[in-house]
Amino acid sequence: MAAFGTVFMPEMAISWFDGNSWSDAEVVSSDSLQLHPGAHVLHYSSTCFEGLKAFRHEDGSIKIFRMDRNLERFAQSSQLLALPEIDKAATQKMILDIVTRFKSDVPEPPGSMYIRPTHFGTEPAIGKAASPSLTSCQYMLLSPVGDYFSGGDTTLRLLLEENGARCAAHMGMIKSGGNYASALRPIMQAKADLNADQVLFCPDGDVQETGAANFLLIDGDEVITKALDESFLHGVTRDSILTIARDLGMKVSERQLTVDELLERAAKPNCEAALSGTAAVLTPVGTLIHNGKEYPVGNGGVGATTVKLRQALNDIQWGKAEDKHGWLTSI
């Protein structure tokens, strides 16, 4: 399959806010978006997005995973960026309608249809650096995908970065493009210098998240991850994995995790680490790089608990296990 997120359905759903109300949703060509060059988003980054997936079940039905949580976060991101308020019911209908339109293109497992709702400020006003856009646009773009990290059974290498953060502390819980852009340079540097796959941002020793996914430490039957605050993204996959871990009788600790504790626990033979996200799902971490030294996580390989948790999540998404938490929406 092509690189993750590089193939798109030919049409998307779109709606415009004129300062007073949202237009009726339309289905247009995916390459038909037109913006004034003075649009607020192009100068002041007034944009947020979501990422969720639709899955094909064995009976041919299509299910969208945890759409309600993604809609809540989409609305929250819009509010925190001072964008016009979205109509969650209308946005949900846009998602359902465009996925229904292309339901025959939803891949078989292990593939899925990635759904990218996007909201951005459109007002042509380059003098509004300190004021929000009064007009905006939202669209729903579809992309059939496989695995984000396509390394098979290999593990990731993470650089622990204590001298910088992924983004401004008060922006972390917003799913905004600027947060990803701010992490790009350190990630590229880590890849060039250390052959690292990602950077795990740990400002002042506080283990937070990587450039594109949440971080989980698995020590025996305990999952440890940073408690929710404004500094990092409140991942829907993160929440799903923690819920599944509790269902399996594991202990879940949402608390501060320091670099020192992380490295100490990682030295244990049964320790594991993983990245969680809609794209990444749950991807194993085998090596931590800190102050020029490499530290294997456990035995450095793919951990059995990581595989078990990922499989449990996939089984729900693909209809192979009971959806007892009501996470799936039928189209």
C-alpha atoms as a PDB file:
ATOM      1  CA  MET A   1       0.000   0.000   0.000  1.00  0.00           C
ATOM      2  CA  ALA A   2       1.136   3.591  -0.642  1.00  0.00           C
ATOM      3  CA  ALA A   3       2.667   5.647   2.167  1.00  0.00           C
ATOM      4  CA  PHE A   4       0.170   6.410   4.929  1.00  0.00           C
ATOM      5  CA  GLY A   5      -2.117   9.309   4.063  1.00  0.00           C
ATOM      6  CA  THR A   6      -0.963   9.878   0.482  1.00  0.00           C
ATOM      7  CA  VAL A   7      -3.970   8.398  -1.334  1.00  0.00           C
ATOM      8  CA  PHE A   8      -7.303  10.215  -1.140  1.00  0.00           C
ATOM      9  CA  MET A   9     -10.859   9.650  -2.221  1.00  0.00           C
ATOM     10  CA  PRO A  10     -11.723  11.929  -5.173  1.00  0.00           C
ATOM     11  CA  GLU A  11     -14.426  13.834  -3.281  1.00  0.00           C
ATOM     12  CA  MET A  12     -14.858  15.363   0.165  1.00  0.00           C
ATOM     13  CA  ALA A  13     -17.639  16.922   2.226  1.00  0.00           C
ATOM     14  CA  ILE A  14     -17.317  20.664   2.889  1.00  0.00           C
ATOM     15  CA  SER A  15     -19.192  23.442   4.695  1.00  0.00           C
ATOM     16  CA  TRP A  16     -18.521  27.164   5.192  1.00  0.00           C
ATOM     17  CA  PHE A  17     -19.267  29.521   8.115  1.00  0.00           C
ATOM     18  CA  ASP A  18     -20.041  33.058   6.887  1.00  0.00           C
ATOM     19  CA  GLY A  19     -19.902  34.774  10.275  1.00  0.00           C
ATOM     20  CA  ASN A  20     -23.495  33.960  11.156  1.00  0.00           C
ATOM     21  CA  SER A  21     -24.327  30.403  10.114  1.00  0.00           C
ATOM     22  CA  TRP A  22     -22.942  27.261   8.514  1.00  0.00           C
ATOM     23  CA  SER A  23     -23.793  26.495   4.899  1.00  0.00           C
ATOM     24  CA  ASP A  24     -25.381  23.200   3.947  1.00  0.00           C
ATOM     25  CA  ALA A  25     -22.719  20.560   3.415  1.00  0.00           C
ATOM     26  CA  GLU A  26     -21.705  19.838  -0.153  1.00  0.00           C
ATOM     27  CA  VAL A  27     -19.696  17.071  -1.773  1.00  0.00           C
ATOM     28  CA  VAL A  28     -16.966  18.541  -3.958  1.00  0.00           C
ATOM     29  CA  SER A  29     -13.781  17.429  -5.642  1.00  0.00           C
ATOM     30  CA  SER A  30     -11.011  16.873  -3.098  1.00  0.00           C
ATOM     31  CA  ASP A  31      -8.698  19.212  -4.995  1.00  0.00           C
ATOM     32  CA  SER A  32     -11.177  22.063  -5.352  1.00  0.00           C
ATOM     33  CA  LEU A  33     -10.455  24.074  -2.194  1.00  0.00           C
ATOM     34  CA  GLN A  34      -9.936  27.787  -2.877  1.00  0.00           C
ATOM     35  CA  LEU A  35      -8.671  30.321  -0.317  1.00  0.00           C
ATOM     36  CA  HIS A  36      -7.912  34.011  -0.390  1.00  0.00           C
ATOM     37  CA  PRO A  37      -4.134  34.459   0.086  1.00  0.00           C
ATOM     38  CA  GLY A  38      -4.917  36.673   3.065  1.00  0.00           C
ATOM     39  CA  ALA A  39      -6.929  33.934   4.807  1.00  0.00           C
ATOM     40  CA  HIS A  40      -6.410  33.934   8.561  1.00  0.00           C
ATOM     41  CA  VAL A  41      -5.242  30.313   8.618  1.00  0.00           C
ATOM     42  CA  LEU A  42      -2.360  30.995   6.221  1.00  0.00           C
ATOM     43  CA  HIS A  43      -0.913  33.722   8.439  1.00  0.00           C
ATOM     44  CA  TYR A  44      -1.967  32.929  12.004  1.00  0.00           C
ATOM     45  CA  SER A  45      -2.436  29.135  11.971  1.00  0.00           C
ATOM     46  CA  SER A  46      -6.085  29.140  13.002  1.00  0.00           C
ATOM     47  CA  THR A  47      -6.595  25.471  12.196  1.00  0.00           C
ATOM     48  CA  CYS A  48      -7.380  22.181  13.887  1.00  0.00           C
ATOM     49  CA  PHE A  49      -8.159  18.686  12.685  1.00  0.00           C
ATOM     50  CA  GLU A  50      -9.117  15.189  13.774  1.00  0.00           C
ATOM     51  CA  GLY A  51      -8.145  11.673  12.819  1.00  0.00           C
ATOM     52  CA  LEU A  52     -10.499   8.711  13.077  1.00  0.00           C
ATOM     53  CA  LYS A  53     -11.062   5.508  11.163  1.00  0.00           C
ATOM     54  CA  ALA A  54     -13.792   3.457   9.539  1.00  0.00           C
ATOM     55  CA  PHE A  55     -13.375  -0.331   9.498  1.00  0.00           C
ATOM     56  CA  ARG A  56     -14.795  -3.069   7.304  1.00  0.00           C
ATOM     57  CA  HIS A  57     -16.220  -6.063   9.189  1.00  0.00           C
ATOM     58  CA  GLU A  58     -16.446  -9.635   7.889  1.00  0.00           C
ATOM     59  CA  ASP A  59     -20.159  -9.239   7.152  1.00  0.00           C
ATOM     60  CA  GLY A  60     -19.388  -6.276   4.879  1.00  0.00           C
ATOM     61  CA  SER A  61     -20.689  -3.637   7.285  1.00  0.00           C
ATOM     62  CA  ILE A  62     -18.699  -0.454   7.929  1.00  0.00           C
ATOM     63  CA  LYS A  63     -18.126   0.867  11.457  1.00  0.00           C
ATOM     64  CA  ILE A  64     -16.552   4.138  12.585  1.00  0.00           C
ATOM     65  CA  PHE A  65     -14.513   3.938  15.783  1.00  0.00           C
ATOM     66  CA  ARG A  66     -15.218   6.375  18.640  1.00  0.00           C
ATOM     67  CA  MET A  67     -16.594   9.155  16.467  1.00  0.00           C
ATOM     68  CA  ASP A  68     -18.266  10.802  19.469  1.00  0.00           C
ATOM     69  CA  ARG A  69     -14.931  11.325  21.244  1.00  0.00           C
ATOM     70  CA  ASN A  70     -13.304  12.731  18.123  1.00  0.00           C
ATOM     71  CA  LEU A  71     -16.207  15.121  17.602  1.00  0.00           C
ATOM     72  CA  GLU A  72     -15.900  16.325  21.200  1.00  0.00           C
ATOM     73  CA  ARG A  73     -12.182  16.957  20.748  1.00  0.00           C
ATOM     74  CA  PHE A  74     -12.775  18.649  17.369  1.00  0.00           C
ATOM     75  CA  ALA A  75     -15.247  21.022  19.007  1.00  0.00           C
ATOM     76  CA  GLN A  76     -12.878  21.625  21.917  1.00  0.00           C
ATOM     77  CA  SER A  77      -9.926  22.375  19.633  1.00  0.00           C
ATOM     78  CA  SER A  78     -12.070  24.812  17.652  1.00  0.00           C
ATOM     79  CA  GLN A  79     -13.139  26.567  20.834  1.00  0.00           C
ATOM     80  CA  LEU A  80      -9.618  26.806  22.275  1.00  0.00           C
ATOM     81  CA  LEU A  81      -8.350  28.264  18.970  1.00  0.00           C
ATOM     82  CA  ALA A  82     -11.193  30.824  18.991  1.00  0.00           C
ATOM     83  CA  LEU A  83     -12.564  29.450  15.723  1.00  0.00           C
ATOM     84  CA  PRO A  84     -16.320  29.634  15.062  1.00  0.00           C
ATOM     85  CA  GLU A  85     -18.259  26.978  16.958  1.00  0.00           C
ATOM     86  CA  ILE A  86     -18.939  23.853  14.954  1.00  0.00           C
ATOM     87  CA  ASP A  87     -22.348  22.186  14.871  1.00  0.00           C
ATOM     88  CA  LYS A  88     -21.416  18.702  16.093  1.00  0.00           C
ATOM     89  CA  ALA A  89     -24.580  17.107  14.728  1.00  0.00           C
ATOM     90  CA  ALA A  90     -23.989  18.607  11.291  1.00  0.00           C
ATOM     91  CA  THR A  91     -20.313  17.658  11.397  1.00  0.00           C
ATOM     92  CA  GLN A  92     -21.222  14.091  12.330  1.00  0.00           C
ATOM     93  CA  LYS A  93     -23.650  13.918   9.420  1.00  0.00           C
ATOM     94  CA  MET A  94     -20.919  15.134   7.060  1.00  0.00           C
ATOM     95  CA  ILE A  95     -18.658  12.315   8.250  1.00  0.00           C
ATOM     96  CA  LEU A  96     -21.356   9.663   7.967  1.00  0.00           C
ATOM     97  CA  ASP A  97     -22.473  10.848   4.536  1.00  0.00           C
ATOM     98  CA  ILE A  98     -19.009  10.977   2.961  1.00  0.00           C
ATOM     99  CA  VAL A  99     -17.987   7.600   4.412  1.00  0.00           C
ATOM    100  CA  THR A 100     -21.249   6.113   3.145  1.00  0.00           C
ATOM    101  CA  ARG A 101     -20.526   7.564  -0.285  1.00  0.00           C
ATOM    102  CA  PHE A 102     -17.181   5.728  -0.395  1.00  0.00           C
ATOM    103  CA  LYS A 103     -17.994   2.692   1.741  1.00  0.00           C
ATOM    104  CA  SER A 104     -17.034   0.317  -1.072  1.00  0.00           C
ATOM    105  CA  ASP A 105     -13.500   1.758  -0.886  1.00  0.00           C
ATOM    106  CA  VAL A 106     -12.995   0.997   2.823  1.00  0.00           C
ATOM    107  CA  PRO A 107     -10.097  -1.514   2.812  1.00  0.00           C
ATOM    108  CA  GLU A 108     -10.276  -5.002   4.225  1.00  0.00           C
ATOM    109  CA  PRO A 109      -8.352  -5.618   7.484  1.00  0.00           C
ATOM    110  CA  PRO A 110      -5.658  -4.766   8.353  1.00  0.00           C
ATOM    111  CA  GLY A 111      -6.437  -1.616   6.375  1.00  0.00           C
ATOM    112  CA  SER A 112      -9.017   1.041   7.206  1.00  0.00           C
ATOM    113  CA  MET A 113     -10.444   4.315   5.932  1.00  0.00           C
ATOM    114  CA  TYR A 114      -8.769   7.249   7.649  1.00  0.00           C
ATOM    115  CA  ILE A 115     -11.106  10.219   8.154  1.00  0.00           C
ATOM    116  CA  ARG A 116      -9.601  13.708   8.455  1.00  0.00           C
ATOM    117  CA  PRO A 117     -12.063  16.418   9.588  1.00  0.00           C
ATOM    118  CA  THR A 118     -10.381  19.833   9.310  1.00  0.00           C
ATOM    119  CA  HIS A 119     -11.496  23.292  10.468  1.00  0.00           C
ATOM    120  CA  PHE A 120      -9.718  26.556   9.687  1.00  0.00           C
ATOM    121  CA  GLY A 121     -10.160  30.318   9.654  1.00  0.00           C
ATOM    122  CA  THR A 122     -10.873  31.834   6.251  1.00  0.00           C
ATOM    123  CA  GLU A 123     -11.327  35.557   6.903  1.00  0.00           C
ATOM    124  CA  PRO A 124      -9.060  37.576   4.572  1.00  0.00           C
ATOM    125  CA  ALA A 125      -7.573  39.900   7.199  1.00  0.00           C
ATOM    126  CA  ILE A 126      -3.814  39.939   7.689  1.00  0.00           C
ATOM    127  CA  GLY A 127      -4.139  42.607  10.376  1.00  0.00           C
ATOM    128  CA  LYS A 128      -5.843  40.190  12.795  1.00  0.00           C
ATOM    129  CA  ALA A 129      -2.766  38.673  14.430  1.00  0.00           C
ATOM    130  CA  ALA A 130      -4.401  39.169  17.828  1.00  0.00           C
ATOM    131  CA  SER A 131      -8.004  38.569  16.757  1.00  0.00           C
ATOM    132  CA  PRO A 132      -9.837  35.422  15.642  1.00  0.00           C
ATOM    133  CA  SER A 133     -11.214  34.726  12.199  1.00  0.00           C
ATOM    134  CA  LEU A 134     -14.935  35.443  11.985  1.00  0.00           C
ATOM    135  CA  THR A 135     -15.403  33.050   9.069  1.00  0.00           C
ATOM    136  CA  SER A 136     -14.212  29.489   8.626  1.00  0.00           C
ATOM    137  CA  CYS A 137     -14.458  26.251   6.688  1.00  0.00           C
ATOM    138  CA  GLN A 138     -14.651  22.601   7.646  1.00  0.00           C
ATOM    139  CA  TYR A 139     -14.193  19.590   5.392  1.00  0.00           C
ATOM    140  CA  MET A 140     -14.017  15.806   5.694  1.00  0.00           C
ATOM    141  CA  LEU A 141     -11.243  14.159   3.695  1.00  0.00           C
ATOM    142  CA  LEU A 142     -10.925  10.369   3.306  1.00  0.00           C
ATOM    143  CA  SER A 143      -7.781   8.298   2.821  1.00  0.00           C
ATOM    144  CA  PRO A 144      -7.574   4.467   2.635  1.00  0.00           C
ATOM    145  CA  VAL A 145      -4.611   3.422   4.775  1.00  0.00           C
ATOM    146  CA  GLY A 146      -2.551   0.561   6.122  1.00  0.00           C
ATOM    147  CA  ASP A 147      -0.123   0.867   9.054  1.00  0.00           C
ATOM    148  CA  TYR A 148       1.397   4.270   9.869  1.00  0.00           C
ATOM    149  CA  PHE A 149       4.624   2.629  11.006  1.00  0.00           C
ATOM    150  CA  SER A 150       5.242  -0.015   8.353  1.00  0.00           C
ATOM    151  CA  GLY A 151       8.272  -1.650   9.919  1.00  0.00           C
ATOM    152  CA  GLY A 152       6.516  -4.943  10.626  1.00  0.00           C
ATOM    153  CA  ASP A 153       7.936  -6.552  13.754  1.00  0.00           C
ATOM    154  CA  THR A 154      10.639  -3.935  14.250  1.00  0.00           C
ATOM    155  CA  THR A 155      10.628  -1.503  17.164  1.00  0.00           C
ATOM    156  CA  LEU A 156      11.063   2.261  17.244  1.00  0.00           C
ATOM    157  CA  ARG A 157      14.018   4.279  18.462  1.00  0.00           C
ATOM    158  CA  LEU A 158      13.133   7.356  20.537  1.00  0.00           C
ATOM    159  CA  LEU A 159      15.347  10.263  21.499  1.00  0.00           C
ATOM    160  CA  LEU A 160      14.512  11.627  24.953  1.00  0.00           C
ATOM    161  CA  GLU A 161      14.500  15.425  24.668  1.00  0.00           C
ATOM    162  CA  GLU A 162      14.608  17.214  28.031  1.00  0.00           C
ATOM    163  CA  ASN A 163      15.469  20.712  26.798  1.00  0.00           C
ATOM    164  CA  GLY A 164      12.423  21.367  24.659  1.00  0.00           C
ATOM    165  CA  ALA A 165       8.698  20.713  24.412  1.00  0.00           C
ATOM    166  CA  ARG A 166       6.607  19.547  21.485  1.00  0.00           C
ATOM    167  CA  CYS A 167       4.594  22.759  21.633  1.00  0.00           C
ATOM    168  CA  ALA A 168       3.549  25.588  23.934  1.00  0.00           C
ATOM    169  CA  ALA A 169       2.307  24.096  27.205  1.00  0.00           C
ATOM    170  CA  HIS A 170      -1.190  25.612  26.962  1.00  0.00           C
ATOM    171  CA  MET A 171      -1.607  24.350  23.373  1.00  0.00           C
ATOM    172  CA  GLY A 172      -0.868  20.660  23.887  1.00  0.00           C
ATOM    173  CA  MET A 173      -4.453  19.442  24.195  1.00  0.00           C
ATOM    174  CA  ILE A 174      -5.411  21.133  20.899  1.00  0.00           C
ATOM    175  CA  LYS A 175      -5.039  18.994  17.780  1.00  0.00           C
ATOM    176  CA  SER A 176      -3.580  21.762  15.668  1.00  0.00           C
ATOM    177  CA  GLY A 177      -1.136  21.677  12.782  1.00  0.00           C
ATOM    178  CA  GLY A 178       1.170  24.203  14.439  1.00  0.00           C
ATOM    179  CA  ASN A 179       1.950  21.727  17.211  1.00  0.00           C
ATOM    180  CA  TYR A 180       3.176  19.190  14.685  1.00  0.00           C
ATOM    181  CA  ALA A 181       5.177  21.807  12.799  1.00  0.00           C
ATOM    182  CA  SER A 182       6.955  22.915  15.975  1.00  0.00           C
ATOM    183  CA  ALA A 183       8.182  19.341  16.538  1.00  0.00           C
ATOM    184  CA  LEU A 184       9.475  18.786  13.001  1.00  0.00           C
ATOM    185  CA  ARG A 185      12.963  20.243  13.304  1.00  0.00           C
ATOM    186  CA  PRO A 186      14.017  18.269  16.412  1.00  0.00           C
ATOM    187  CA  ILE A 187      12.572  15.086  14.887  1.00  0.00           C
ATOM    188  CA  MET A 188      14.475  15.593  11.646  1.00  0.00           C
ATOM    189  CA  GLN A 189      17.664  16.346  13.586  1.00  0.00           C
ATOM    190  CA  ALA A 190      17.232  13.206  15.700  1.00  0.00           C
ATOM    191  CA  LYS A 191      16.768  11.100  12.573  1.00  0.00           C
ATOM    192  CA  ALA A 192      19.829  12.569  10.886  1.00  0.00           C
ATOM    193  CA  ASP A 193      22.141  12.425  13.913  1.00  0.00           C
ATOM    194  CA  LEU A 194      20.982   9.303  15.765  1.00  0.00           C
ATOM    195  CA  ASN A 195      18.800   7.323  13.358  1.00  0.00           C
ATOM    196  CA  ALA A 196      15.909   7.927  15.758  1.00  0.00           C
ATOM    197  CA  ASP A 197      12.345   7.359  14.556  1.00  0.00           C
ATOM    198  CA  GLN A 198      10.797   9.931  16.843  1.00  0.00           C
ATOM    199  CA  VAL A 199      11.505  12.355  19.679  1.00  0.00           C
ATOM    200  CA  LEU A 200       9.916  11.783  23.077  1.00  0.00           C
ATOM    201  CA  PHE A 201       9.572  15.261  24.515  1.00  0.00           C
ATOM    202  CA  CYS A 202      10.391  15.362  28.221  1.00  0.00           C
ATOM    203  CA  PRO A 203      10.721  19.049  29.198  1.00  0.00           C
ATOM    204  CA  ASP A 204      12.629  19.333  32.479  1.00  0.00           C
ATOM    205  CA  GLY A 205      12.509  15.545  32.804  1.00  0.00           C
ATOM    206  CA  ASP A 206       8.708  15.254  32.526  1.00  0.00           C
ATOM    207  CA  VAL A 207       7.870  12.453  30.051  1.00  0.00           C
ATOM    208  CA  GLN A 208       5.064  13.741  27.809  1.00  0.00           C
ATOM    209  CA  GLU A 209       4.536  12.617  24.196  1.00  0.00           C
ATOM    210  CA  THR A 210       6.281  12.248  20.860  1.00  0.00           C
ATOM    211  CA  GLY A 211       5.757  14.439  17.822  1.00  0.00           C
ATOM    212  CA  ALA A 212       2.795  12.405  16.595  1.00  0.00           C
ATOM    213  CA  ALA A 213       1.664   9.978  19.317  1.00  0.00           C
ATOM    214  CA  ASN A 214       1.121   9.451  23.038  1.00  0.00           C
ATOM    215  CA  PHE A 215       3.655   7.426  25.038  1.00  0.00           C
ATOM    216  CA  LEU A 216       2.877   4.417  27.247  1.00  0.00           C
ATOM    217  CA  LEU A 217       5.245   2.511  29.526  1.00  0.00           C
ATOM    218  CA  ILE A 218       4.251  -1.080  30.321  1.00  0.00           C
ATOM    219  CA  ASP A 219       5.979  -2.572  33.363  1.00  0.00           C
ATOM    220  CA  GLY A 220       4.661  -6.079  33.940  1.00  0.00           C
ATOM    221  CA  ASP A 221       0.928  -5.741  34.558  1.00  0.00           C
ATOM    222  CA  GLU A 222       1.037  -1.952  34.972  1.00  0.00           C
ATOM    223  CA  VAL A 223       0.593   0.720  32.293  1.00  0.00           C
ATOM    224  CA  ILE A 224       2.100   4.092  33.195  1.00  0.00           C
ATOM    225  CA  THR A 225       1.405   7.290  31.274  1.00  0.00           C
ATOM    226  CA  LYS A 226       1.267  10.994  31.978  1.00  0.00           C
ATOM    227  CA  ALA A 227      -1.943  12.256  33.573  1.00  0.00           C
ATOM    228  CA  LEU A 228      -4.097  14.466  31.357  1.00  0.00           C
ATOM    229  CA  ASP A 229      -3.331  18.179  31.401  1.00  0.00           C
ATOM    230  CA  GLU A 230      -3.065  21.010  28.867  1.00  0.00           C
ATOM    231  CA  SER A 231       0.497  20.182  27.815  1.00  0.00           C
ATOM    232  CA  PHE A 232      -0.173  17.159  25.575  1.00  0.00           C
ATOM    233  CA  LEU A 233      -2.835  15.660  23.346  1.00  0.00           C
ATOM    234  CA  HIS A 234      -5.679  13.708  24.960  1.00  0.00           C
ATOM    235  CA  GLY A 235      -5.489  10.761  22.601  1.00  0.00           C
ATOM    236  CA  VAL A 236      -8.614   8.751  21.822  1.00  0.00           C
ATOM    237  CA  THR A 237      -6.485   5.661  21.145  1.00  0.00           C
ATOM    238  CA  ARG A 238      -4.633   6.294  24.413  1.00  0.00           C
ATOM    239  CA  ASP A 239      -7.947   6.298  26.286  1.00  0.00           C
ATOM    240  CA  SER A 240      -9.078   3.159  24.438  1.00  0.00           C
ATOM    241  CA  ILE A 241      -5.877   1.254  25.255  1.00  0.00           C
ATOM    242  CA  LEU A 242      -6.070   2.254  28.933  1.00  0.00           C
ATOM    243  CA  THR A 243      -9.708   1.120  29.060  1.00  0.00           C
ATOM    244  CA  ILE A 244      -8.801  -2.234  27.496  1.00  0.00           C
ATOM    245  CA  ALA A 245      -5.881  -2.617  29.912  1.00  0.00           C
ATOM    246  CA  ARG A 246      -8.256  -2.143  32.843  1.00  0.00           C
ATOM    247  CA  ASP A 247     -10.671  -4.647  31.285  1.00  0.00           C
ATOM    248  CA  LEU A 248      -7.793  -7.159  31.186  1.00  0.00           C
ATOM    249  CA  GLY A 249      -7.128  -6.650  34.892  1.00  0.00           C
ATOM    250  CA  MET A 250      -4.045  -4.500  34.460  1.00  0.00           C
ATOM    251  CA  LYS A 251      -3.184  -1.568  36.707  1.00  0.00           C
ATOM    252  CA  VAL A 252      -3.333   1.806  34.956  1.00  0.00           C
ATOM    253  CA  SER A 253      -1.351   4.671  36.479  1.00  0.00           C
ATOM    254  CA  GLU A 254      -1.942   8.112  35.001  1.00  0.00           C
ATOM    255  CA  ARG A 255       0.662  10.236  36.737  1.00  0.00           C
ATOM    256  CA  GLN A 256       3.908  12.093  36.300  1.00  0.00           C
ATOM    257  CA  LEU A 257       6.691   9.947  34.860  1.00  0.00           C
ATOM    258  CA  THR A 258      10.250  11.256  35.001  1.00  0.00           C
ATOM    259  CA  VAL A 259      13.083  10.401  32.630  1.00  0.00           C
ATOM    260  CA  ASP A 260      15.001   8.858  35.542  1.00  0.00           C
ATOM    261  CA  GLU A 261      12.108   6.523  36.412  1.00  0.00           C
ATOM    262  CA  LEU A 262      11.549   5.696  32.755  1.00  0.00           C
ATOM    263  CA  LEU A 263      15.158   4.618  32.245  1.00  0.00           C
ATOM    264  CA  GLU A 264      15.192   2.683  35.526  1.00  0.00           C
ATOM    265  CA  ARG A 265      12.045   0.744  34.628  1.00  0.00           C
ATOM    266  CA  ALA A 266      13.111   0.249  31.005  1.00  0.00           C
ATOM    267  CA  ALA A 267      16.114  -1.735  32.243  1.00  0.00           C
ATOM    268  CA  LYS A 268      13.822  -4.467  33.573  1.00  0.00           C
ATOM    269  CA  PRO A 269      13.638  -7.525  31.265  1.00  0.00           C
ATOM    270  CA  ASN A 270       9.815  -7.559  31.186  1.00  0.00           C
ATOM    271  CA  CYS A 271       9.390  -3.825  30.555  1.00  0.00           C
ATOM    272  CA  GLU A 272       7.817  -2.523  27.330  1.00  0.00           C
ATOM    273  CA  ALA A 273       7.035   0.851  25.797  1.00  0.00           C
ATOM    274  CA  ALA A 274       4.733   1.868  22.971  1.00  0.00           C
ATOM    275  CA  LEU A 275       3.306   4.812  21.072  1.00  0.00           C
ATOM    276  CA  SER A 276      -0.457   5.109  20.733  1.00  0.00           C
ATOM    277  CA  GLY A 277      -2.507   7.061  18.209  1.00  0.00           C
ATOM    278  CA  THR A 278      -5.180   6.707  15.550  1.00  0.00           C
ATOM    279  CA  ALA A 279      -2.480   6.310  12.916  1.00  0.00           C
ATOM    280  CA  ALA A 280       0.122   4.504  15.027  1.00  0.00           C
ATOM    281  CA  VAL A 281      -2.492   2.322  16.839  1.00  0.00           C
ATOM    282  CA  LEU A 282      -0.005   0.835  19.335  1.00  0.00           C
ATOM    283  CA  THR A 283       3.554   0.667  18.029  1.00  0.00           C
ATOM    284  CA  PRO A 284       6.365  -0.898  20.109  1.00  0.00           C
ATOM    285  CA  VAL A 285       9.414   1.076  21.238  1.00  0.00           C
ATOM    286  CA  GLY A 286      12.667  -0.883  21.550  1.00  0.00           C
ATOM    287  CA  THR A 287      15.345   1.737  22.241  1.00  0.00           C
ATOM    288  CA  LEU A 288      15.582   4.986  24.193  1.00  0.00           C
ATOM    289  CA  ILE A 289      18.411   7.399  23.430  1.00  0.00           C
ATOM    290  CA  HIS A 290      19.488   9.750  26.222  1.00  0.00           C
ATOM    291  CA  ASN A 291      22.564  11.946  26.522  1.00  0.00           C
ATOM    292  CA  GLY A 292      24.363  10.046  23.775  1.00  0.00           C
ATOM    293  CA  LYS A 293      23.697   6.599  25.240  1.00  0.00           C
ATOM    294  CA  GLU A 294      21.247   3.948  24.041  1.00  0.00           C
ATOM    295  CA  TYR A 295      19.004   2.076  26.470  1.00  0.00           C
ATOM    296  CA  PRO A 296      17.041  -0.983  25.338  1.00  0.00           C
ATOM    297  CA  VAL A 297      13.476  -1.202  26.625  1.00  0.00           C
ATOM    298  CA  GLY A 298      13.225  -4.646  28.188  1.00  0.00           C
ATOM    299  CA  ASN A 299      14.843  -7.026  25.716  1.00  0.00           C
ATOM    300  CA  GLY A 300      14.653  -4.420  22.956  1.00  0.00           C
ATOM    301  CA  GLY A 301      12.093  -6.401  20.977  1.00  0.00           C
ATOM    302  CA  VAL A 302       8.347  -6.346  20.452  1.00  0.00           C
ATOM    303  CA  GLY A 303       6.664  -6.905  23.815  1.00  0.00           C
ATOM    304  CA  ALA A 304       3.963  -9.508  24.315  1.00  0.00           C
ATOM    305  CA  THR A 305       1.704  -7.134  26.266  1.00  0.00           C
ATOM    306  CA  THR A 306       1.958  -4.470  23.567  1.00  0.00           C
ATOM    307  CA  VAL A 307       0.895  -7.058  20.989  1.00  0.00           C
ATOM    308  CA  LYS A 308      -1.962  -8.235  23.230  1.00  0.00           C
ATOM    309  CA  LEU A 309      -3.310  -4.726  23.802  1.00  0.00           C
ATOM    310  CA  ARG A 310      -3.042  -3.797  20.133  1.00  0.00           C
ATOM    311  CA  GLN A 311      -4.777  -7.012  19.079  1.00  0.00           C
ATOM    312  CA  ALA A 312      -7.555  -6.456  21.613  1.00  0.00           C
ATOM    313  CA  LEU A 313      -8.168  -2.986  20.195  1.00  0.00           C
ATOM    314  CA  ASN A 314      -8.046  -4.198  16.592  1.00  0.00           C
ATOM    315  CA  ASP A 315     -10.457  -7.035  17.381  1.00  0.00           C
ATOM    316  CA  ILE A 316     -13.040  -4.509  18.588  1.00  0.00           C
ATOM    317  CA  GLN A 317     -12.455  -2.240  15.597  1.00  0.00           C
ATOM    318  CA  TRP A 318     -12.765  -5.111  13.113  1.00  0.00           C
ATOM    319  CA  GLY A 319     -15.776  -6.708  14.810  1.00  0.00           C
ATOM    320  CA  LYS A 320     -13.936  -9.789  16.084  1.00  0.00           C
ATOM    321  CA  ALA A 321     -14.624  -8.991  19.744  1.00  0.00           C
ATOM    322  CA  GLU A 322     -17.590  -7.591  21.637  1.00  0.00           C
ATOM    323  CA  ASP A 323     -17.963  -3.814  21.540  1.00  0.00           C
ATOM    324  CA  LYS A 324     -19.018  -3.610  25.178  1.00  0.00           C
ATOM    325  CA  HIS A 325     -18.162   0.071  25.526  1.00  0.00           C
ATOM    326  CA  GLY A 326     -20.289   1.159  22.535  1.00  0.00           C
ATOM    327  CA  TRP A 327     -17.340   2.508  20.588  1.00  0.00           C
ATOM    328  CA  LEU A 328     -18.540   1.616  17.069  1.00  0.00           C
ATOM    329  CA  THR A 329     -20.980   3.618  14.941  1.00  0.00           C
ATOM    330  CA  SER A 330     -22.643   1.908  11.989  1.00  0.00           C
ATOM    331  CA  ILE A 331     -23.070   3.711   8.704  1.00  0.00           C
END
